[in-house]
Amino acid sequence: MSERNLEEEQPAAPKCTPNYDTSDPLQQEVTRILRGFKNDILGITFLGNDGVLRSLTADRKVLSAEGLSKPLLYENGHC
């Protein structure tokens, strides 16, 4: 099979369309925070009981951390 045939058979990559409201101010704040975070491919992003969102390495060293505002932590003013 020629290279041309292989290219023609491969489907186009799907577009990544957010399924959330990108105009929501709280979503914009979360997006801003996460864009600034350093990440470990084997690590995790963790929200602690103290309200701090942390990016951790696989061996749990903190790469990035930021305290979240009360509106992000509480829905409609409730826990």
N, C-alpha and C. Protein backbone atom coordinates (compact mmCIF):
# COMPACT_ATOMS: atom_id res chain seq x y z
N MET A 1 0.85 -1.18 0.00
CA MET A 1 0.00 0.00 0.00
C MET A 1 0.89 1.24 0.00
N SER A 2 0.57 2.22 -0.80
CA SER A 2 1.41 3.41 -0.89
C SER A 2 1.13 4.36 0.28
N GLU A 3 2.07 5.31 0.49
CA GLU A 3 1.89 6.29 1.56
C GLU A 3 0.63 7.11 1.35
N ARG A 4 0.34 7.42 0.13
CA ARG A 4 -0.84 8.23 -0.18
C ARG A 4 -2.11 7.53 0.30
N ASN A 5 -2.22 6.22 0.06
CA ASN A 5 -3.40 5.47 0.49
C ASN A 5 -3.53 5.45 2.01
N LEU A 6 -2.41 5.33 2.71
CA LEU A 6 -2.45 5.34 4.18
C LEU A 6 -2.96 6.66 4.71
N GLU A 7 -2.51 7.77 4.12
CA GLU A 7 -2.95 9.09 4.55
C GLU A 7 -4.44 9.27 4.32
N GLU A 8 -4.93 8.77 3.21
CA GLU A 8 -6.33 8.93 2.88
C GLU A 8 -7.23 8.11 3.80
N GLU A 9 -6.74 6.98 4.30
CA GLU A 9 -7.55 6.10 5.13
C GLU A 9 -7.65 6.55 6.59
N GLN A 10 -6.70 7.36 7.04
CA GLN A 10 -6.71 7.78 8.44
C GLN A 10 -7.73 8.89 8.65
N PRO A 11 -8.61 8.72 9.62
CA PRO A 11 -9.61 9.75 9.88
C PRO A 11 -8.95 10.98 10.51
N ALA A 12 -9.59 12.11 10.33
CA ALA A 12 -9.10 13.35 10.93
C ALA A 12 -9.26 13.26 12.45
N ALA A 13 -8.35 13.89 13.17
CA ALA A 13 -8.42 13.90 14.63
C ALA A 13 -9.66 14.68 15.06
N PRO A 14 -10.38 14.18 16.07
CA PRO A 14 -11.57 14.89 16.52
C PRO A 14 -11.19 16.21 17.17
N LYS A 15 -12.06 17.19 17.03
CA LYS A 15 -11.83 18.50 17.65
C LYS A 15 -12.15 18.39 19.13
N CYS A 16 -11.34 19.06 19.93
CA CYS A 16 -11.56 19.06 21.36
C CYS A 16 -12.45 20.26 21.72
N THR A 17 -13.71 20.00 21.92
CA THR A 17 -14.66 21.04 22.26
C THR A 17 -15.05 20.92 23.72
N PRO A 18 -14.81 21.98 24.52
CA PRO A 18 -15.17 21.90 25.94
C PRO A 18 -16.66 21.65 26.11
N ASN A 19 -17.00 20.84 27.12
CA ASN A 19 -18.42 20.59 27.40
C ASN A 19 -18.84 21.32 28.66
N TYR A 20 -18.24 22.48 28.89
CA TYR A 20 -18.57 23.32 30.03
C TYR A 20 -18.64 24.77 29.55
N ASP A 21 -19.20 25.63 30.37
CA ASP A 21 -19.42 27.03 30.00
C ASP A 21 -18.12 27.81 30.18
N THR A 22 -17.43 28.08 29.08
CA THR A 22 -16.14 28.78 29.15
C THR A 22 -16.29 30.25 29.50
N SER A 23 -17.50 30.79 29.47
CA SER A 23 -17.70 32.19 29.84
C SER A 23 -17.99 32.37 31.33
N ASP A 24 -18.18 31.26 32.05
CA ASP A 24 -18.45 31.33 33.49
C ASP A 24 -17.19 31.80 34.22
N PRO A 25 -17.29 32.85 35.06
CA PRO A 25 -16.11 33.37 35.76
C PRO A 25 -15.41 32.34 36.64
N LEU A 26 -16.16 31.46 37.27
CA LEU A 26 -15.54 30.42 38.10
C LEU A 26 -14.76 29.43 37.25
N GLN A 27 -15.32 29.07 36.10
CA GLN A 27 -14.61 28.17 35.19
C GLN A 27 -13.34 28.84 34.67
N GLN A 28 -13.42 30.14 34.38
CA GLN A 28 -12.25 30.86 33.91
C GLN A 28 -11.15 30.88 34.97
N GLU A 29 -11.54 31.00 36.24
CA GLU A 29 -10.55 30.99 37.32
C GLU A 29 -9.88 29.62 37.43
N VAL A 30 -10.67 28.56 37.36
CA VAL A 30 -10.12 27.20 37.42
C VAL A 30 -9.18 26.97 36.22
N THR A 31 -9.58 27.38 35.05
CA THR A 31 -8.75 27.22 33.85
C THR A 31 -7.44 27.98 34.01
N ARG A 32 -7.50 29.21 34.53
CA ARG A 32 -6.29 30.00 34.74
C ARG A 32 -5.34 29.29 35.71
N ILE A 33 -5.88 28.77 36.79
CA ILE A 33 -5.06 28.08 37.79
C ILE A 33 -4.39 26.86 37.17
N LEU A 34 -5.17 26.02 36.49
CA LEU A 34 -4.64 24.78 35.94
C LEU A 34 -3.64 25.02 34.82
N ARG A 35 -3.82 26.08 34.05
CA ARG A 35 -2.85 26.39 32.98
C ARG A 35 -1.48 26.73 33.55
N GLY A 36 -1.47 27.33 34.74
CA GLY A 36 -0.22 27.72 35.35
C GLY A 36 0.47 26.61 36.13
N PHE A 37 -0.21 25.50 36.31
CA PHE A 37 0.34 24.40 37.10
C PHE A 37 1.39 23.62 36.32
N LYS A 38 2.44 23.21 37.02
CA LYS A 38 3.40 22.24 36.48
C LYS A 38 2.79 20.87 36.72
N ASN A 39 3.05 19.95 35.81
CA ASN A 39 2.47 18.61 35.93
C ASN A 39 3.51 17.53 35.72
N ASP A 40 3.30 16.42 36.40
CA ASP A 40 4.09 15.21 36.22
C ASP A 40 3.17 14.23 35.50
N ILE A 41 3.64 13.65 34.42
CA ILE A 41 2.80 12.74 33.63
C ILE A 41 2.26 11.58 34.47
N LEU A 42 2.99 11.18 35.51
CA LEU A 42 2.53 10.10 36.39
C LEU A 42 1.94 10.63 37.69
N GLY A 43 1.88 11.94 37.82
CA GLY A 43 1.38 12.54 39.06
C GLY A 43 -0.12 12.74 39.07
N ILE A 44 -0.57 13.51 40.06
CA ILE A 44 -1.99 13.78 40.21
C ILE A 44 -2.21 15.25 40.53
N THR A 45 -3.44 15.70 40.32
CA THR A 45 -3.88 17.01 40.80
C THR A 45 -4.87 16.71 41.91
N PHE A 46 -4.67 17.34 43.06
CA PHE A 46 -5.39 16.98 44.27
C PHE A 46 -5.92 18.22 44.98
N LEU A 47 -7.19 18.19 45.38
CA LEU A 47 -7.78 19.25 46.18
C LEU A 47 -7.84 18.77 47.61
N GLY A 48 -7.05 19.41 48.47
CA GLY A 48 -6.99 19.02 49.87
C GLY A 48 -8.14 19.57 50.69
N ASN A 49 -8.32 19.03 51.89
CA ASN A 49 -9.36 19.51 52.80
C ASN A 49 -9.14 20.96 53.22
N ASP A 50 -7.92 21.45 53.03
CA ASP A 50 -7.59 22.83 53.37
C ASP A 50 -7.95 23.81 52.26
N GLY A 51 -8.53 23.34 51.16
CA GLY A 51 -8.94 24.21 50.07
C GLY A 51 -7.82 24.56 49.11
N VAL A 52 -6.70 23.85 49.19
CA VAL A 52 -5.57 24.11 48.32
C VAL A 52 -5.52 23.03 47.23
N LEU A 53 -5.49 23.50 45.99
CA LEU A 53 -5.35 22.60 44.84
C LEU A 53 -3.86 22.41 44.59
N ARG A 54 -3.43 21.17 44.52
CA ARG A 54 -2.01 20.87 44.37
C ARG A 54 -1.77 19.93 43.19
N SER A 55 -0.66 20.16 42.51
CA SER A 55 -0.18 19.25 41.49
C SER A 55 0.99 18.50 42.13
N LEU A 56 0.90 17.17 42.13
CA LEU A 56 1.89 16.34 42.81
C LEU A 56 2.58 15.42 41.82
N THR A 57 3.86 15.11 42.10
CA THR A 57 4.57 14.13 41.30
C THR A 57 4.09 12.74 41.69
N ALA A 58 4.58 11.74 40.98
CA ALA A 58 4.20 10.35 41.28
C ALA A 58 4.61 9.97 42.69
N ASP A 59 5.71 10.54 43.20
CA ASP A 59 6.12 10.25 44.57
C ASP A 59 5.64 11.31 45.56
N ARG A 60 4.64 12.06 45.15
CA ARG A 60 3.87 13.01 45.98
C ARG A 60 4.64 14.25 46.44
N LYS A 61 5.59 14.69 45.63
CA LYS A 61 6.23 15.98 45.88
C LYS A 61 5.37 17.05 45.21
N VAL A 62 5.21 18.19 45.86
CA VAL A 62 4.36 19.25 45.34
C VAL A 62 5.10 20.01 44.24
N LEU A 63 4.47 20.10 43.06
CA LEU A 63 5.01 20.87 41.95
C LEU A 63 4.40 22.26 41.91
N SER A 64 3.09 22.34 42.16
CA SER A 64 2.35 23.59 42.13
C SER A 64 1.25 23.52 43.17
N ALA A 65 0.89 24.68 43.69
CA ALA A 65 -0.21 24.73 44.66
C ALA A 65 -0.84 26.12 44.63
N GLU A 66 -2.16 26.15 44.81
CA GLU A 66 -2.87 27.42 44.90
C GLU A 66 -4.15 27.23 45.71
N GLY A 67 -4.35 28.12 46.65
CA GLY A 67 -5.58 28.11 47.44
C GLY A 67 -6.75 28.57 46.58
N LEU A 68 -7.86 27.88 46.69
CA LEU A 68 -9.05 28.23 45.90
C LEU A 68 -9.92 29.20 46.68
N SER A 69 -10.59 30.07 45.93
CA SER A 69 -11.49 31.04 46.55
C SER A 69 -12.74 30.32 47.06
N LYS A 70 -13.43 30.94 48.00
CA LYS A 70 -14.64 30.32 48.57
C LYS A 70 -15.69 29.98 47.52
N PRO A 71 -15.93 30.84 46.52
CA PRO A 71 -16.92 30.46 45.50
C PRO A 71 -16.57 29.17 44.77
N LEU A 72 -15.27 28.89 44.60
CA LEU A 72 -14.88 27.65 43.95
C LEU A 72 -15.04 26.45 44.88
N LEU A 73 -14.94 26.69 46.17
CA LEU A 73 -15.02 25.59 47.13
C LEU A 73 -16.44 25.25 47.56
N TYR A 74 -17.32 26.24 47.51
CA TYR A 74 -18.68 26.03 48.01
C TYR A 74 -19.70 26.33 46.93
N GLU A 75 -20.60 25.42 46.74
CA GLU A 75 -21.67 25.60 45.76
C GLU A 75 -22.84 26.30 46.44
N ASN A 76 -23.25 27.46 45.91
CA ASN A 76 -24.37 28.24 46.45
C ASN A 76 -24.18 28.57 47.94
N GLY A 77 -22.94 28.75 48.36
CA GLY A 77 -22.68 29.13 49.74
C GLY A 77 -22.75 27.97 50.72
N HIS A 78 -22.87 26.74 50.24
CA HIS A 78 -22.95 25.56 51.09
C HIS A 78 -21.73 24.67 50.89
N CYS A 79 -21.43 23.85 51.88
CA CYS A 79 -20.33 22.88 51.75
C CYS A 79 -20.76 21.75 50.83
